C-alpha atoms as a PDB file:
ATOM      1  CA  MET A   1    -153.671  35.120 -24.987  1.00  0.00           C
ATOM      2  CA  SER A   2    -157.284  36.171 -25.058  1.00  0.00           C
ATOM      3  CA  THR A   3    -158.695  32.724 -25.721  1.00  0.00           C
ATOM      4  CA  GLU A   4    -157.943  29.937 -23.314  1.00  0.00           C
ATOM      5  CA  PHE A   5    -156.587  27.275 -25.638  1.00  0.00           C
ATOM      6  CA  SER A   6    -156.185  23.736 -24.538  1.00  0.00           C
ATOM      7  CA  ILE A   7    -154.909  20.374 -25.649  1.00  0.00           C
ATOM      8  CA  ASP A   8    -157.833  17.943 -25.339  1.00  0.00           C
ATOM      9  CA  ALA A   9    -157.403  19.708 -22.929  1.00  0.00           C
ATOM     10  CA  PHE A  10    -157.059  21.762 -19.924  1.00  0.00           C
ATOM     11  CA  PRO A  11    -155.844  25.292 -19.266  1.00  0.00           C
ATOM     12  CA  PRO A  12    -152.336  24.504 -18.002  1.00  0.00           C
ATOM     13  CA  ALA A  13    -151.240  27.352 -15.729  1.00  0.00           C
ATOM     14  CA  LYS A  14    -154.668  28.717 -14.930  1.00  0.00           C
ATOM     15  CA  MET A  15    -155.971  25.539 -13.323  1.00  0.00           C
ATOM     16  CA  ALA A  16    -154.255  26.124  -9.971  1.00  0.00           C
ATOM     17  CA  SER A  17    -152.707  29.580 -10.157  1.00  0.00           C
ATOM     18  CA  ARG A  18    -155.432  31.289  -8.137  1.00  0.00           C
ATOM     19  CA  TYR A  19    -154.760  28.914  -5.226  1.00  0.00           C
ATOM     20  CA  LEU A  20    -150.972  29.169  -5.175  1.00  0.00           C
ATOM     21  CA  PRO A  21    -149.029  30.892  -2.394  1.00  0.00           C
ATOM     22  CA  GLU A  22    -147.604  34.290  -3.322  1.00  0.00           C
ATOM     23  CA  ASP A  23    -144.020  32.991  -3.320  1.00  0.00           C
ATOM     24  CA  VAL A  24    -144.792  30.433  -6.054  1.00  0.00           C
ATOM     25  CA  THR A  25    -144.267  31.380  -9.683  1.00  0.00           C
ATOM     26  CA  CYS A  26    -146.790  30.031 -12.155  1.00  0.00           C
ATOM     27  CA  SER A  27    -145.892  30.072 -15.836  1.00  0.00           C
ATOM     28  CA  GLU A  28    -147.746  28.854 -18.882  1.00  0.00           C
ATOM     29  CA  ALA A  29    -145.820  27.670 -21.914  1.00  0.00           C
ATOM     30  CA  SER A  30    -146.517  25.574 -24.969  1.00  0.00           C
ATOM     31  CA  VAL A  31    -142.961  24.341 -25.283  1.00  0.00           C
ATOM     32  CA  GLY A  32    -140.951  21.300 -24.340  1.00  0.00           C
ATOM     33  CA  GLY A  33    -137.432  19.951 -24.304  1.00  0.00           C
ATOM     34  CA  LEU A  34    -134.762  22.568 -24.906  1.00  0.00           C
ATOM     35  CA  ARG A  35    -137.164  25.522 -24.848  1.00  0.00           C
ATOM     36  CA  LEU A  36    -138.560  24.435 -21.498  1.00  0.00           C
ATOM     37  CA  LEU A  37    -135.095  24.792 -19.941  1.00  0.00           C
ATOM     38  CA  GLU A  38    -135.223  28.578 -20.220  1.00  0.00           C
ATOM     39  CA  ILE A  39    -138.340  28.625 -18.064  1.00  0.00           C
ATOM     40  CA  MET A  40    -136.932  26.163 -15.507  1.00  0.00           C
ATOM     41  CA  ALA A  41    -133.506  27.797 -15.202  1.00  0.00           C
ATOM     42  CA  GLY A  42    -132.723  29.258 -11.798  1.00  0.00           C
ATOM     43  CA  TYR A  43    -135.422  27.395  -9.863  1.00  0.00           C
ATOM     44  CA  GLU A  44    -134.641  24.832  -7.167  1.00  0.00           C
ATOM     45  CA  ARG A  45    -137.886  22.978  -7.677  1.00  0.00           C
ATOM     46  CA  VAL A  46    -140.316  22.655 -10.579  1.00  0.00           C
ATOM     47  CA  ILE A  47    -143.787  21.141 -10.864  1.00  0.00           C
ATOM     48  CA  LEU A  48    -144.825  20.648 -14.475  1.00  0.00           C
ATOM     49  CA  VAL A  49    -148.456  20.060 -15.376  1.00  0.00           C
ATOM     50  CA  ASP A  50    -149.047  18.644 -18.800  1.00  0.00           C
ATOM     51  CA  ALA A  51    -151.196  16.453 -20.984  1.00  0.00           C
ATOM     52  CA  ILE A  52    -149.993  12.950 -21.757  1.00  0.00           C
ATOM     53  CA  GLN A  53    -151.172  10.159 -24.005  1.00  0.00           C
ATOM     54  CA  THR A  54    -150.109   6.623 -23.147  1.00  0.00           C
ATOM     55  CA  PRO A  55    -151.305   3.298 -24.500  1.00  0.00           C
ATOM     56  CA  GLU A  56    -152.384   1.828 -21.170  1.00  0.00           C
ATOM     57  CA  ALA A  57    -154.221   4.624 -19.296  1.00  0.00           C
ATOM     58  CA  LYS A  58    -157.674   6.072 -19.748  1.00  0.00           C
ATOM     59  CA  PRO A  59    -158.529   9.766 -20.243  1.00  0.00           C
ATOM     60  CA  GLY A  60    -158.621  11.617 -16.941  1.00  0.00           C
ATOM     61  CA  ASP A  61    -156.044   9.407 -15.214  1.00  0.00           C
ATOM     62  CA  ILE A  62    -153.400  11.382 -13.327  1.00  0.00           C
ATOM     63  CA  HIS A  63    -149.754  10.383 -13.706  1.00  0.00           C
ATOM     64  CA  TYR A  64    -147.064  11.386 -11.188  1.00  0.00           C
ATOM     65  CA  LEU A  65    -143.746  11.356 -13.017  1.00  0.00           C
ATOM     66  CA  HIS A  66    -140.145  12.514 -12.907  1.00  0.00           C
ATOM     67  CA  PRO A  67    -137.967  13.407 -15.898  1.00  0.00           C
ATOM     68  CA  ASN A  68    -136.446   9.938 -16.292  1.00  0.00           C
ATOM     69  CA  ASP A  69    -139.940   8.487 -16.666  1.00  0.00           C
ATOM     70  CA  LEU A  70    -140.207  10.374 -19.970  1.00  0.00           C
ATOM     71  CA  LEU A  71    -137.640   8.787 -22.237  1.00  0.00           C
ATOM     72  CA  THR A  72    -139.478   9.868 -25.370  1.00  0.00           C
ATOM     73  CA  SER A  73    -141.737  12.738 -26.286  1.00  0.00           C
ATOM     74  CA  LEU A  74    -143.967  13.606 -29.206  1.00  0.00           C
ATOM     75  CA  HIS A  75    -141.277  15.742 -30.853  1.00  0.00           C
ATOM     76  CA  ALA A  76    -138.193  13.881 -29.645  1.00  0.00           C
ATOM     77  CA  ASP A  77    -137.516  12.634 -33.159  1.00  0.00           C
ATOM     78  CA  SER A  78    -136.921  16.201 -34.329  1.00  0.00           C
ATOM     79  CA  SER A  79    -133.367  17.493 -34.575  1.00  0.00           C
ATOM     80  CA  HIS A  80    -134.690  20.701 -33.022  1.00  0.00           C
ATOM     81  CA  ASP A  81    -135.875  19.200 -29.765  1.00  0.00           C
ATOM     82  CA  LEU A  82    -135.108  16.535 -27.179  1.00  0.00           C
ATOM     83  CA  ALA A  83    -137.078  14.569 -24.635  1.00  0.00           C
ATOM     84  CA  LEU A  84    -136.914  16.175 -21.188  1.00  0.00           C
ATOM     85  CA  PRO A  85    -134.117  13.977 -19.720  1.00  0.00           C
ATOM     86  CA  GLY A  86    -131.827  14.699 -22.667  1.00  0.00           C
ATOM     87  CA  ALA A  87    -132.632  18.404 -22.587  1.00  0.00           C
ATOM     88  CA  LEU A  88    -131.857  18.587 -18.843  1.00  0.00           C
ATOM     89  CA  THR A  89    -128.537  16.790 -19.344  1.00  0.00           C
ATOM     90  CA  LEU A  90    -127.567  19.101 -22.182  1.00  0.00           C
ATOM     91  CA  GLY A  91    -128.587  22.202 -20.235  1.00  0.00           C
ATOM     92  CA  ARG A  92    -126.582  21.161 -17.188  1.00  0.00           C
ATOM     93  CA  ASN A  93    -123.559  20.341 -19.358  1.00  0.00           C
ATOM     94  CA  LEU A  94    -123.811  23.834 -20.828  1.00  0.00           C
ATOM     95  CA  GLY A  95    -123.777  25.344 -17.339  1.00  0.00           C
ATOM     96  CA  MET A  96    -127.456  26.130 -16.890  1.00  0.00           C
ATOM     97  CA  VAL A  97    -128.634  26.175 -13.271  1.00  0.00           C
ATOM     98  CA  LEU A  98    -131.480  23.657 -13.288  1.00  0.00           C
ATOM     99  CA  PRO A  99    -133.256  21.723 -10.550  1.00  0.00           C
ATOM    100  CA  ASP A 100    -132.105  18.203  -9.784  1.00  0.00           C
ATOM    101  CA  ASP A 101    -134.225  15.519 -11.459  1.00  0.00           C
ATOM    102  CA  LYS A 102    -135.659  14.549  -8.067  1.00  0.00           C
ATOM    103  CA  ALA A 103    -136.834  18.160  -7.609  1.00  0.00           C
ATOM    104  CA  ILE A 104    -138.837  18.067 -10.847  1.00  0.00           C
ATOM    105  CA  VAL A 105    -142.314  16.579 -10.560  1.00  0.00           C
ATOM    106  CA  ILE A 106    -144.567  16.111 -13.565  1.00  0.00           C
ATOM    107  CA  ILE A 107    -148.283  15.868 -12.978  1.00  0.00           C
ATOM    108  CA  ALA A 108    -149.752  14.673 -16.249  1.00  0.00           C
ATOM    109  CA  ILE A 109    -153.398  14.258 -17.141  1.00  0.00           C
ATOM    110  CA  GLU A 110    -154.118  11.438 -19.566  1.00  0.00           C
ATOM    111  CA  VAL A 111    -155.928  12.835 -22.617  1.00  0.00           C
ATOM    112  CA  CYS A 112    -157.561  11.359 -25.719  1.00  0.00           C
ATOM    113  CA  ASP A 113    -155.673  13.479 -28.224  1.00  0.00           C
ATOM    114  CA  VAL A 114    -152.491  15.550 -27.878  1.00  0.00           C
ATOM    115  CA  LEU A 115    -152.493  16.808 -31.458  1.00  0.00           C
ATOM    116  CA  THR A 116    -155.815  18.666 -31.692  1.00  0.00           C
ATOM    117  CA  PHE A 117    -156.117  22.077 -30.078  1.00  0.00           C
ATOM    118  CA  GLY A 118    -159.462  23.480 -28.987  1.00  0.00           C
ATOM    119  CA  GLU A 119    -161.220  25.722 -26.510  1.00  0.00           C
ATOM    120  CA  ALA A 120    -162.895  23.045 -24.392  1.00  0.00           C
ATOM    121  CA  CYS A 121    -161.832  19.979 -22.478  1.00  0.00           C
ATOM    122  CA  MET A 122    -163.119  16.510 -23.083  1.00  0.00           C
ATOM    123  CA  PRO A 123    -165.469  15.645 -20.181  1.00  0.00           C
ATOM    124  CA  GLU A 124    -163.124  12.905 -18.919  1.00  0.00           C
ATOM    125  CA  VAL A 125    -160.256  15.383 -18.783  1.00  0.00           C
ATOM    126  CA  ALA A 126    -162.324  18.205 -17.276  1.00  0.00           C
ATOM    127  CA  VAL A 127    -163.183  16.137 -14.217  1.00  0.00           C
ATOM    128  CA  ALA A 128    -159.465  15.424 -13.672  1.00  0.00           C
ATOM    129  CA  ILE A 129    -158.455  19.089 -13.513  1.00  0.00           C
ATOM    130  CA  PRO A 130    -159.421  19.631  -9.850  1.00  0.00           C
ATOM    131  CA  ARG A 131    -157.500  16.459  -8.918  1.00  0.00           C
ATOM    132  CA  ALA A 132    -154.435  17.692 -10.804  1.00  0.00           C
ATOM    133  CA  ALA A 133    -154.710  21.103  -9.107  1.00  0.00           C
ATOM    134  CA  ALA A 134    -154.955  19.369  -5.722  1.00  0.00           C
ATOM    135  CA  ALA A 135    -151.869  17.318  -6.612  1.00  0.00           C
ATOM    136  CA  VAL A 136    -149.935  20.532  -7.355  1.00  0.00           C
ATOM    137  CA  LEU A 137    -150.963  22.022  -4.022  1.00  0.00           C
ATOM    138  CA  ALA A 138    -150.049  18.790  -2.226  1.00  0.00           C
ATOM    139  CA  GLU A 139    -146.601  18.840  -3.846  1.00  0.00           C
ATOM    140  CA  LEU A 140    -146.085  22.385  -2.574  1.00  0.00           C
ATOM    141  CA  THR A 141    -146.712  21.346   1.010  1.00  0.00           C
ATOM    142  CA  GLU A 142    -144.152  18.506   0.938  1.00  0.00           C
END
C-alpha cells in the first residue's frame, strides 16, 4: 500500500516493526475474526495491536487485553465474522494450530472513531503510539 492508511488512527504494523528483533514476524492486516486466524495460524505467540473504542476510556489510553476480554466486536453481528474468542474456538475445532489464549496479547489504543479511515492520527492517538510500541517490545522480552 503506497499510502499509510489509518483508523483514527495509527499505522498498525509500521509503528514498531523497525525496532523488532529479526526473529519476530510483523504483519499488517485490516481483518478480524475468522480472517485473522489465517495470519495467526502456526505461531506459538501473537501480539495484536489494534484500535479500540470503549465507552469508559479516553482517546490515547492503552488497553492490555486477551481474547476473552473481547466478547464482542464491531462486526460480530455479521454472519460472515465472529468476535475473536469465537473465531479462535472455531479455528481450533477445525484443527488449526493456533496459540493458546494466554499466548495472545492485544495492545489496543483507544481512539475517537473506528469507522472513519484517514491518513493522519488524531493528536491524542498519535502520542500513544510510542507507548504502544514500547508495550510490544516489553511483551517480547517477557
